[in-house]
Protein backbone atom coordinates (compact mmCIF):
# COMPACT_ATOMS: atom_id res chain seq x y z
CA MET A 1 1.14 -10.17 20.62
CA ASN A 2 -2.05 -11.09 18.74
CA ASP A 3 -3.79 -8.02 20.21
CA SER A 4 -0.96 -5.87 18.87
CA ILE A 5 -1.29 -7.34 15.36
CA HIS A 6 -5.06 -6.86 15.54
CA ASN A 7 -4.66 -3.22 16.58
CA HIS A 8 -2.26 -2.59 13.70
CA LYS A 9 -4.67 -4.16 11.28
CA ILE A 10 -7.38 -1.77 12.51
CA LYS A 11 -5.01 1.19 12.23
CA ALA A 12 -3.96 0.16 8.70
CA LYS A 13 -7.59 -0.06 7.61
CA THR A 14 -8.30 3.30 9.22
CA ASN A 15 -5.37 4.97 7.42
CA LYS A 16 -6.48 3.40 4.19
CA LYS A 17 -10.00 4.70 4.65
CA ASN A 18 -8.87 8.23 5.56
CA SER A 19 -6.90 8.69 2.35
CA GLY A 20 -9.16 10.23 -0.27
CA ARG A 21 -12.03 10.38 2.22
CA ASP A 22 -14.05 12.99 0.29
CA ARG A 23 -14.03 10.98 -2.91
CA ARG A 24 -14.79 7.73 -1.10
CA ASN A 25 -17.83 9.22 0.66
CA SER A 26 -19.59 9.72 -2.67
CA PHE A 27 -22.55 7.54 -3.52
CA THR A 28 -21.03 6.15 -6.70
CA TYR A 29 -17.71 5.27 -4.99
CA ARG A 30 -19.47 3.38 -2.19
CA ILE A 31 -21.26 1.24 -4.76
CA PHE A 32 -18.86 0.99 -7.66
CA GLY A 33 -15.50 1.98 -6.12
CA ASP A 34 -13.00 3.44 -8.59
CA SER A 35 -15.37 2.57 -11.48
CA GLY A 36 -18.05 5.00 -10.20
CA SER A 37 -17.23 7.72 -12.75
CA VAL A 38 -17.34 5.16 -15.55
CA PHE A 39 -20.83 4.07 -14.45
CA VAL A 40 -22.10 7.64 -14.23
CA GLY A 41 -20.78 8.27 -17.76
CA LEU A 42 -22.50 5.09 -18.93
CA ILE A 43 -25.82 6.29 -17.49
CA PHE A 44 -25.62 9.56 -19.44
CA ILE A 45 -24.71 7.77 -22.64
CA SER A 46 -27.65 5.41 -22.14
CA LEU A 47 -30.01 8.29 -21.56
CA ALA A 48 -28.75 10.07 -24.66
CA VAL A 49 -28.91 6.99 -26.85
CA GLY A 50 -31.90 5.31 -25.28
CA PHE A 51 -34.15 8.37 -25.12
CA GLY A 52 -32.53 11.07 -27.27
CA ILE A 53 -32.25 9.21 -30.53
CA PRO A 54 -35.71 7.58 -30.39
CA LEU A 55 -37.38 10.89 -29.59
CA LEU A 56 -35.45 12.60 -32.38
CA VAL A 57 -36.50 9.92 -34.91
CA TYR A 58 -40.10 9.96 -33.71
CA THR A 59 -40.27 13.73 -34.04
CA LEU A 60 -38.83 13.71 -37.52
CA VAL A 61 -41.18 10.99 -38.78
CA PHE A 62 -44.38 11.99 -37.04
CA ARG A 63 -44.50 15.75 -37.33
CA GLY A 64 -47.39 16.82 -35.19
CA GLY A 65 -48.49 18.04 -31.84
CA PHE A 66 -49.41 16.14 -28.69
CA SER A 67 -52.13 13.61 -29.12
CA HIS A 68 -55.23 13.49 -26.87
CA ASP A 69 -55.82 9.79 -27.59
CA ASN A 70 -54.74 7.26 -24.91
CA ALA A 71 -54.03 4.68 -27.59
CA ASP A 72 -51.46 6.98 -29.24
CA TRP A 73 -49.65 7.42 -25.96
CA GLY A 74 -49.71 3.68 -25.38
CA ASN A 75 -48.17 3.05 -28.76
CA PHE A 76 -45.58 5.75 -28.04
CA GLY A 77 -44.67 4.02 -24.79
CA LEU A 78 -44.27 0.68 -26.50
CA TYR A 79 -42.09 2.36 -29.09
CA LEU A 80 -39.79 3.83 -26.48
CA ALA A 81 -39.68 0.63 -24.41
CA GLY A 82 -38.77 -1.45 -27.42
CA ILE A 83 -35.90 0.82 -28.50
CA ALA A 84 -34.61 2.21 -25.20
CA GLY A 85 -35.08 -0.98 -23.16
CA PRO A 86 -32.03 -2.82 -24.65
CA PHE A 87 -29.77 0.16 -23.99
CA PHE A 88 -30.73 0.34 -20.30
CA SER A 89 -30.45 -3.44 -19.95
CA PHE A 90 -26.95 -3.22 -21.30
CA ALA A 91 -26.12 -0.37 -18.90
CA SER A 92 -27.46 -2.42 -16.00
CA PHE A 93 -25.34 -5.40 -17.05
CA VAL A 94 -22.20 -3.23 -17.29
CA GLY A 95 -23.02 -1.73 -13.88
CA LEU A 96 -23.21 -5.24 -12.43
CA ILE A 97 -19.81 -6.10 -13.95
CA LEU A 98 -18.29 -2.93 -12.45
CA THR A 99 -19.72 -3.75 -9.00
CA LEU A 100 -18.32 -7.28 -9.12
CA ASN A 101 -14.97 -5.99 -10.35
CA ASN A 102 -14.79 -3.54 -7.40
CA SER A 103 -15.67 -6.34 -4.98
CA ILE A 104 -12.85 -8.45 -6.40
CA LYS A 105 -10.38 -5.60 -6.02
CA GLU A 106 -11.44 -5.01 -2.42
CA LYS A 107 -10.93 -8.73 -1.75
CA GLU A 108 -7.45 -8.56 -3.28
CA GLY A 109 -6.70 -5.68 -0.89
CA ASP A 110 -7.83 -7.81 2.08
CA ASP A 111 -5.65 -10.69 0.90
CA ALA A 112 -2.67 -8.38 0.57
CA GLN A 113 -3.10 -7.21 4.14
CA VAL A 114 -3.46 -10.80 5.38
CA LEU A 115 -0.26 -11.80 3.63
CA PHE A 116 1.55 -8.77 5.10
CA PHE A 117 0.72 -9.84 8.62
CA ARG A 118 1.83 -13.39 7.85
CA TYR A 119 5.18 -11.91 7.01
CA ILE A 120 5.15 -10.17 10.37
CA ASP A 121 4.42 -13.48 12.05
CA ALA A 122 7.46 -14.95 10.30
CA VAL A 123 9.61 -12.18 11.79
CA LEU A 124 8.19 -12.73 15.26
CA LYS A 125 8.79 -16.48 15.18
CA GLN A 126 12.51 -15.77 14.88
CA ASN A 127 12.40 -12.91 17.33
CA MET A 128 14.53 -14.46 20.10
CA GLN A 129 17.39 -15.36 17.72
CA ASN A 130 17.05 -12.03 15.92
CA THR A 131 17.26 -10.15 19.19
CA ARG A 132 20.48 -11.91 20.29
CA ASP A 133 22.23 -11.58 16.96
CA THR A 134 21.28 -7.97 16.31
CA ALA A 135 22.12 -6.96 19.89
CA ALA A 136 25.62 -8.42 19.47
CA LEU A 137 26.17 -6.58 16.15
CA LYS A 138 24.77 -3.30 17.53
CA LYS A 139 27.16 -3.59 20.47
CA LEU A 140 30.10 -3.67 18.09
CA TYR A 141 28.80 -0.70 16.12
CA ASP A 142 28.36 1.31 19.32
CA ARG A 143 31.79 0.34 20.56
CA LEU A 144 33.39 1.44 17.29
CA CYS A 145 31.52 4.74 17.20
CA MET A 146 32.18 5.55 20.84
CA THR A 147 35.85 4.72 20.60
CA VAL A 148 36.37 6.93 17.50
CA LYS A 149 34.29 9.72 18.98
CA ASN A 150 36.30 9.79 22.22
CA GLY A 151 39.60 9.52 20.37
CA ASP A 152 40.98 6.79 22.66
CA VAL A 153 41.73 4.27 19.90
CA SER A 154 45.11 3.32 21.47
CA ASP A 155 43.55 2.50 24.84
CA ASN A 156 40.46 0.79 23.40
CA PRO A 157 41.33 -0.96 20.13
CA LEU A 158 38.59 -0.97 17.49
CA PRO A 159 36.73 -4.23 16.76
CA SER A 160 38.27 -5.93 13.76
CA ALA A 161 36.55 -5.93 10.36
CA LYS A 162 36.51 -9.72 10.54
CA GLU A 163 34.72 -9.71 13.88
CA ILE A 164 32.09 -7.31 12.55
CA GLN A 165 31.72 -9.31 9.33
CA GLU A 166 31.02 -12.49 11.28
CA LYS A 167 28.30 -10.80 13.29
CA GLN A 168 26.83 -9.27 10.12
CA ASN A 169 26.70 -12.72 8.48
CA ARG A 170 24.72 -14.07 11.41
CA ASN A 171 22.06 -11.44 10.69
CA VAL A 172 21.78 -11.97 6.93
CA LYS A 173 18.64 -14.11 7.18
CA PHE A 174 16.94 -11.44 9.28
CA PHE A 175 18.04 -8.68 6.84
CA LEU A 176 16.68 -10.56 3.82
CA LEU A 177 13.33 -11.20 5.50
CA VAL A 178 12.87 -7.51 6.27
CA TYR A 179 13.90 -6.61 2.67
CA ALA A 180 11.36 -9.13 1.35
CA ILE A 181 8.58 -7.54 3.42
CA ILE A 182 9.52 -4.01 2.24
CA ASP A 183 9.65 -5.23 -1.39
CA TYR A 184 6.21 -6.78 -0.94
CA ILE A 185 4.78 -3.55 0.46
CA ARG A 186 6.29 -1.46 -2.33
CA SER A 187 4.99 -3.82 -5.02
CA THR A 188 1.44 -3.99 -3.66
CA PRO A 189 -0.60 -0.89 -4.66
CA LYS A 190 -3.23 -1.66 -1.98
CA LEU A 191 -0.66 -1.17 0.81
CA ASP A 192 0.33 2.39 1.56
CA ASN A 193 4.14 2.26 1.72
CA MET A 194 5.02 4.21 4.84
CA THR A 195 1.99 3.15 6.82
CA TYR A 196 2.82 -0.52 6.51
CA ILE A 197 6.58 -0.02 6.78
CA THR A 198 5.97 1.83 10.05
CA ILE A 199 3.82 -1.09 11.26
CA LEU A 200 6.64 -3.50 10.30
CA PHE A 201 9.29 -1.56 12.21
CA SER A 202 7.05 -1.20 15.25
CA TYR A 203 7.53 -4.98 15.79
CA LEU A 204 11.32 -4.73 15.72
CA THR A 205 13.57 -3.90 18.63
CA TYR A 206 15.75 -0.80 18.46
CA ASP A 207 18.85 -2.93 17.81
CA GLU A 208 17.09 -4.75 14.97
CA LYS A 209 16.05 -1.48 13.40
CA TYR A 210 19.52 0.01 13.73
CA VAL A 211 21.54 -2.87 12.30
CA PHE A 212 19.07 -3.26 9.42
CA ALA A 213 19.35 0.47 8.66
CA VAL A 214 23.14 0.16 8.55
CA ASP A 215 22.89 -2.76 6.13
CA MET A 216 20.29 -0.85 4.06
CA ARG A 217 22.48 2.25 3.92
CA ASN A 218 25.56 0.34 2.88
CA GLY A 219 23.55 -1.28 0.12
CA ARG A 220 22.96 -4.94 -0.55
CA PRO A 221 23.04 -6.62 -4.01
CA GLY A 222 19.56 -7.12 -5.39
CA GLN A 223 17.99 -4.67 -2.95
CA ASN A 224 17.16 -1.16 -4.03
CA ILE A 225 15.41 1.06 -1.48
CA PRO A 226 15.16 4.67 -2.69
CA PRO A 227 17.12 7.28 -0.65
CA LYS A 228 13.96 9.10 0.47
CA MET A 229 12.46 5.92 1.72
CA GLN A 230 15.69 5.02 3.53
CA GLN A 231 15.46 8.36 5.32
CA ALA A 232 11.83 7.78 6.17
CA ILE A 233 12.63 4.32 7.54
CA VAL A 234 15.48 5.59 9.72
CA SER A 235 13.30 8.46 10.93
CA THR A 236 10.90 5.95 12.45
CA PHE A 237 13.34 5.22 15.26
CA MET A 238 16.13 7.86 15.34
CA ASP A 239 17.29 11.21 13.99
CA TRP A 240 18.46 10.95 10.40
CA ASN A 241 21.44 13.34 10.79
CA ASP A 242 22.69 11.51 13.87
CA PHE A 243 22.42 8.24 11.99
CA CYS A 244 24.39 9.67 9.02
CA ARG A 245 27.20 10.85 11.37
CA ARG A 246 27.48 7.35 12.80
CA MET A 247 27.46 5.84 9.33
CA GLU A 248 30.43 8.02 8.35
CA ILE A 249 32.41 6.52 11.24
CA LEU A 250 31.31 2.97 10.45
CA ASN A 251 32.12 3.28 6.75
CA ARG A 252 35.63 4.54 7.54
CA HIS A 253 36.46 1.63 9.80
CA ILE A 254 34.51 -1.38 8.54
């Protein structure tokens, strides 16, 4: 189980690295992250202000050609160092701040991933109970769909709404935990939505995925998963159109 979690962590990091690969391979991105373009702009501004303005002022004040005296060049160097030095020191300071800021953001991303897999551990700790409860509910769903599909309702009575409701209530804790993980993924910019949702559902049994999808499709107060994401979630374990046909039957009889 730990090997599986470790493998998914590696895959998640790999997917994260592959997105925007061209931009991330640039020198400035490797050093400054998302702030690379800011730092490049800062360098150009420093060059313009640190060298451009002093040279312009010097040219306007001392109108003459190039000197052949070493002392004149020494004085010119001291002049540029005294004026341009503070600008480049400031640019270096800002560059350091950008580097530290990028390091902090990367650490936040690592913490987000660690917390995600802690959520996964919470699901796995309840796995035995989840498996039993979801299997019992899935069995009722299958019985209802099969009976209606075969048209032998008189010979095989449908499970009562009360019976299904009781089984659903036994799974509420499991449902809410999965909703909480999905909400966490969606609210964390560092976690690519479908990559991490796919990882989450890879730890669930087919019955757990199915009964959660039914609950998600019916809607639960306080939980709002967009329709496109619902379809993407269902598509991780079964055909969307087949699932919708079953949901039509369930909604008519539950």
